Amino acid sequence: MELVIGCGSKAELKHTEKFLGLFTVTRPGAADFVSAYSLLAQYRFTTGLSIPDCLIAAQTIHQSATLFSFNIKHFRVIQELNVQQPYLR
């Protein structure tokens, strides 16, 4: 959903959806929402983590995956989360 928010036009949305078609896209489950709430309560006032960031982090942790993000500053405080910058800009 964050990728859709970043689109400035229907053409960009179409391009984004085509790109996402190259990957397996997963949706958060009930356990992810429970964990996201815990992360939000723990980190909101010290880091400014948002609800979407907490959902992304919780789902990534539950899948034992790596999160590639340019938002390293917010995510790096979550010790159990493996987060990396995808490439240098």
N, C-alpha and C. Protein backbone atom coordinates (compact mmCIF):
# COMPACT_ATOMS: atom_id res chain seq x y z
N MET A 1 0.82 -1.19 0.00
CA MET A 1 0.00 0.00 0.00
C MET A 1 0.87 1.25 0.00
N GLU A 2 2.02 1.18 0.68
CA GLU A 2 2.90 2.35 0.69
C GLU A 2 3.42 2.66 -0.71
N LEU A 3 3.63 1.63 -1.52
CA LEU A 3 4.08 1.86 -2.89
C LEU A 3 3.00 2.55 -3.70
N VAL A 4 1.74 2.21 -3.46
CA VAL A 4 0.63 2.85 -4.17
C VAL A 4 0.55 4.32 -3.77
N ILE A 5 0.73 4.61 -2.50
CA ILE A 5 0.70 6.01 -2.03
C ILE A 5 1.78 6.83 -2.72
N GLY A 6 2.91 6.20 -3.02
CA GLY A 6 4.01 6.90 -3.67
C GLY A 6 3.80 7.17 -5.15
N CYS A 7 2.78 6.57 -5.73
CA CYS A 7 2.51 6.77 -7.16
C CYS A 7 1.85 8.13 -7.38
N GLY A 8 2.31 8.82 -8.43
CA GLY A 8 1.76 10.14 -8.73
C GLY A 8 0.74 10.13 -9.84
N SER A 9 0.52 8.97 -10.45
CA SER A 9 -0.44 8.91 -11.56
C SER A 9 -0.88 7.46 -11.75
N LYS A 10 -1.92 7.29 -12.55
CA LYS A 10 -2.38 5.93 -12.87
C LYS A 10 -1.32 5.16 -13.66
N ALA A 11 -0.55 5.87 -14.47
CA ALA A 11 0.52 5.22 -15.24
C ALA A 11 1.59 4.67 -14.28
N GLU A 12 1.96 5.46 -13.27
CA GLU A 12 2.93 4.99 -12.27
C GLU A 12 2.38 3.81 -11.48
N LEU A 13 1.09 3.85 -11.17
CA LEU A 13 0.45 2.74 -10.45
C LEU A 13 0.51 1.47 -11.30
N LYS A 14 0.21 1.60 -12.57
CA LYS A 14 0.26 0.43 -13.47
C LYS A 14 1.68 -0.13 -13.53
N HIS A 15 2.67 0.73 -13.62
CA HIS A 15 4.07 0.31 -13.65
C HIS A 15 4.44 -0.38 -12.33
N THR A 16 4.00 0.16 -11.21
CA THR A 16 4.28 -0.42 -9.90
C THR A 16 3.64 -1.79 -9.77
N GLU A 17 2.38 -1.91 -10.19
CA GLU A 17 1.70 -3.20 -10.12
C GLU A 17 2.39 -4.24 -11.00
N LYS A 18 2.88 -3.84 -12.16
CA LYS A 18 3.61 -4.76 -13.04
C LYS A 18 4.90 -5.21 -12.34
N PHE A 19 5.60 -4.28 -11.72
CA PHE A 19 6.83 -4.60 -10.99
C PHE A 19 6.53 -5.56 -9.83
N LEU A 20 5.48 -5.29 -9.08
CA LEU A 20 5.12 -6.16 -7.95
C LEU A 20 4.75 -7.57 -8.41
N GLY A 21 4.30 -7.70 -9.64
CA GLY A 21 3.97 -9.00 -10.19
C GLY A 21 5.17 -9.93 -10.28
N LEU A 22 6.36 -9.38 -10.17
CA LEU A 22 7.59 -10.18 -10.20
C LEU A 22 7.86 -10.88 -8.86
N PHE A 23 7.12 -10.50 -7.82
CA PHE A 23 7.38 -10.97 -6.47
C PHE A 23 6.16 -11.69 -5.90
N THR A 24 6.41 -12.47 -4.86
CA THR A 24 5.32 -13.03 -4.07
C THR A 24 4.93 -11.98 -3.05
N VAL A 25 3.72 -11.49 -3.14
CA VAL A 25 3.24 -10.45 -2.22
C VAL A 25 2.42 -11.13 -1.14
N THR A 26 2.75 -10.86 0.11
CA THR A 26 2.01 -11.43 1.24
C THR A 26 1.24 -10.35 1.96
N ARG A 27 0.22 -10.76 2.65
CA ARG A 27 -0.62 -9.83 3.42
C ARG A 27 -0.46 -10.14 4.90
N PRO A 28 -0.56 -9.12 5.75
CA PRO A 28 -0.43 -9.39 7.19
C PRO A 28 -1.60 -10.21 7.72
N GLY A 29 -1.29 -11.09 8.67
CA GLY A 29 -2.31 -11.90 9.33
C GLY A 29 -2.60 -11.37 10.73
N ALA A 30 -3.48 -12.04 11.44
CA ALA A 30 -3.89 -11.60 12.78
C ALA A 30 -2.70 -11.48 13.72
N ALA A 31 -1.78 -12.44 13.68
CA ALA A 31 -0.61 -12.39 14.57
C ALA A 31 0.27 -11.19 14.26
N ASP A 32 0.32 -10.80 12.99
CA ASP A 32 1.10 -9.62 12.61
C ASP A 32 0.51 -8.35 13.23
N PHE A 33 -0.81 -8.25 13.26
CA PHE A 33 -1.45 -7.08 13.85
C PHE A 33 -1.21 -7.01 15.36
N VAL A 34 -1.23 -8.15 16.02
CA VAL A 34 -0.95 -8.19 17.46
C VAL A 34 0.48 -7.74 17.72
N SER A 35 1.42 -8.25 16.95
CA SER A 35 2.82 -7.86 17.11
C SER A 35 3.04 -6.39 16.75
N ALA A 36 2.36 -5.94 15.73
CA ALA A 36 2.49 -4.54 15.32
C ALA A 36 2.03 -3.61 16.43
N TYR A 37 0.96 -3.97 17.11
CA TYR A 37 0.49 -3.16 18.23
C TYR A 37 1.57 -3.08 19.31
N SER A 38 2.19 -4.19 19.62
CA SER A 38 3.25 -4.21 20.64
C SER A 38 4.42 -3.33 20.23
N LEU A 39 4.80 -3.42 18.96
CA LEU A 39 5.89 -2.57 18.47
C LEU A 39 5.51 -1.10 18.55
N LEU A 40 4.29 -0.77 18.17
CA LEU A 40 3.83 0.61 18.22
C LEU A 40 3.86 1.15 19.65
N ALA A 41 3.36 0.36 20.59
CA ALA A 41 3.35 0.79 21.99
C ALA A 41 4.77 0.96 22.53
N GLN A 42 5.67 0.10 22.08
CA GLN A 42 7.05 0.15 22.58
C GLN A 42 7.86 1.30 21.98
N TYR A 43 7.68 1.58 20.70
CA TYR A 43 8.59 2.50 20.01
C TYR A 43 7.99 3.82 19.55
N ARG A 44 6.69 4.00 19.63
CA ARG A 44 6.05 5.19 19.07
C ARG A 44 6.63 6.50 19.61
N PHE A 45 6.81 6.58 20.91
CA PHE A 45 7.20 7.86 21.51
C PHE A 45 8.70 8.09 21.47
N THR A 46 9.48 7.05 21.23
CA THR A 46 10.93 7.23 21.17
C THR A 46 11.44 7.36 19.74
N THR A 47 10.71 6.81 18.78
CA THR A 47 11.20 6.82 17.40
C THR A 47 10.24 7.44 16.40
N GLY A 48 8.97 7.53 16.75
CA GLY A 48 7.98 8.04 15.81
C GLY A 48 7.50 6.99 14.82
N LEU A 49 7.75 5.70 15.11
CA LEU A 49 7.26 4.65 14.22
C LEU A 49 5.76 4.79 14.00
N SER A 50 5.35 4.59 12.77
CA SER A 50 3.93 4.71 12.43
C SER A 50 3.28 3.33 12.39
N ILE A 51 1.96 3.32 12.28
CA ILE A 51 1.23 2.05 12.19
C ILE A 51 1.70 1.23 10.98
N PRO A 52 1.79 1.82 9.77
CA PRO A 52 2.26 1.01 8.65
C PRO A 52 3.67 0.44 8.87
N ASP A 53 4.56 1.26 9.43
CA ASP A 53 5.92 0.77 9.71
C ASP A 53 5.89 -0.41 10.66
N CYS A 54 5.06 -0.36 11.68
CA CYS A 54 4.95 -1.46 12.65
C CYS A 54 4.39 -2.71 12.01
N LEU A 55 3.41 -2.55 11.13
CA LEU A 55 2.86 -3.71 10.41
C LEU A 55 3.90 -4.35 9.50
N ILE A 56 4.64 -3.53 8.80
CA ILE A 56 5.70 -4.03 7.92
C ILE A 56 6.75 -4.76 8.74
N ALA A 57 7.17 -4.17 9.84
CA ALA A 57 8.19 -4.80 10.70
C ALA A 57 7.69 -6.12 11.27
N ALA A 58 6.48 -6.13 11.79
CA ALA A 58 5.93 -7.35 12.41
C ALA A 58 5.83 -8.48 11.39
N GLN A 59 5.35 -8.17 10.21
CA GLN A 59 5.21 -9.20 9.18
C GLN A 59 6.58 -9.71 8.74
N THR A 60 7.54 -8.82 8.61
CA THR A 60 8.90 -9.23 8.23
C THR A 60 9.51 -10.14 9.28
N ILE A 61 9.32 -9.80 10.55
CA ILE A 61 9.84 -10.63 11.64
C ILE A 61 9.20 -12.00 11.63
N HIS A 62 7.88 -12.06 11.50
CA HIS A 62 7.17 -13.35 11.51
C HIS A 62 7.59 -14.24 10.34
N GLN A 63 7.99 -13.65 9.24
CA GLN A 63 8.40 -14.44 8.08
C GLN A 63 9.90 -14.73 8.08
N SER A 64 10.59 -14.27 9.13
CA SER A 64 12.05 -14.42 9.20
C SER A 64 12.72 -13.92 7.92
N ALA A 65 12.24 -12.78 7.47
CA ALA A 65 12.71 -12.20 6.21
C ALA A 65 13.60 -10.98 6.49
N THR A 66 14.16 -10.43 5.44
CA THR A 66 14.93 -9.20 5.51
C THR A 66 14.09 -8.08 4.93
N LEU A 67 14.03 -6.96 5.63
CA LEU A 67 13.32 -5.78 5.14
C LEU A 67 14.33 -4.87 4.45
N PHE A 68 14.10 -4.57 3.20
CA PHE A 68 14.94 -3.63 2.47
C PHE A 68 14.19 -2.30 2.43
N SER A 69 14.80 -1.27 3.02
CA SER A 69 14.13 0.02 3.15
C SER A 69 15.16 1.13 3.23
N PHE A 70 14.77 2.31 2.75
CA PHE A 70 15.60 3.49 2.96
C PHE A 70 15.29 4.14 4.30
N ASN A 71 14.29 3.63 5.00
CA ASN A 71 13.88 4.16 6.31
C ASN A 71 14.64 3.43 7.43
N ILE A 72 15.94 3.32 7.28
CA ILE A 72 16.78 2.60 8.24
C ILE A 72 16.68 3.23 9.63
N LYS A 73 16.62 4.54 9.69
CA LYS A 73 16.61 5.26 10.97
C LYS A 73 15.50 4.77 11.90
N HIS A 74 14.29 4.63 11.39
CA HIS A 74 13.18 4.18 12.22
C HIS A 74 13.26 2.70 12.55
N PHE A 75 13.57 1.89 11.55
CA PHE A 75 13.50 0.45 11.72
C PHE A 75 14.65 -0.15 12.53
N ARG A 76 15.81 0.49 12.53
CA ARG A 76 16.97 -0.15 13.18
C ARG A 76 16.83 -0.31 14.68
N VAL A 77 15.90 0.38 15.31
CA VAL A 77 15.71 0.23 16.76
C VAL A 77 15.05 -1.08 17.13
N ILE A 78 14.43 -1.74 16.18
CA ILE A 78 13.76 -3.02 16.43
C ILE A 78 14.81 -4.12 16.29
N GLN A 79 15.31 -4.58 17.41
CA GLN A 79 16.46 -5.48 17.42
C GLN A 79 16.22 -6.79 16.69
N GLU A 80 15.02 -7.33 16.77
CA GLU A 80 14.75 -8.62 16.14
C GLU A 80 14.49 -8.52 14.63
N LEU A 81 14.51 -7.30 14.11
CA LEU A 81 14.24 -7.06 12.69
C LEU A 81 15.54 -6.96 11.91
N ASN A 82 15.64 -7.72 10.84
CA ASN A 82 16.79 -7.63 9.95
C ASN A 82 16.42 -6.62 8.86
N VAL A 83 17.03 -5.43 8.93
CA VAL A 83 16.73 -4.37 7.96
C VAL A 83 18.01 -3.91 7.30
N GLN A 84 17.92 -3.72 5.97
CA GLN A 84 19.06 -3.28 5.19
C GLN A 84 18.61 -2.27 4.15
N GLN A 85 19.51 -1.35 3.84
CA GLN A 85 19.24 -0.42 2.74
C GLN A 85 19.45 -1.17 1.43
N PRO A 86 18.51 -1.06 0.48
CA PRO A 86 18.61 -1.87 -0.74
C PRO A 86 19.79 -1.51 -1.63
N TYR A 87 20.12 -0.23 -1.70
CA TYR A 87 21.24 0.23 -2.51
C TYR A 87 21.55 1.66 -2.12
N LEU A 88 22.73 2.15 -2.48
CA LEU A 88 23.09 3.54 -2.21
C LEU A 88 22.43 4.44 -3.23
N ARG A 89 21.89 5.53 -2.74
CA ARG A 89 21.25 6.48 -3.66
C ARG A 89 22.24 7.54 -4.05
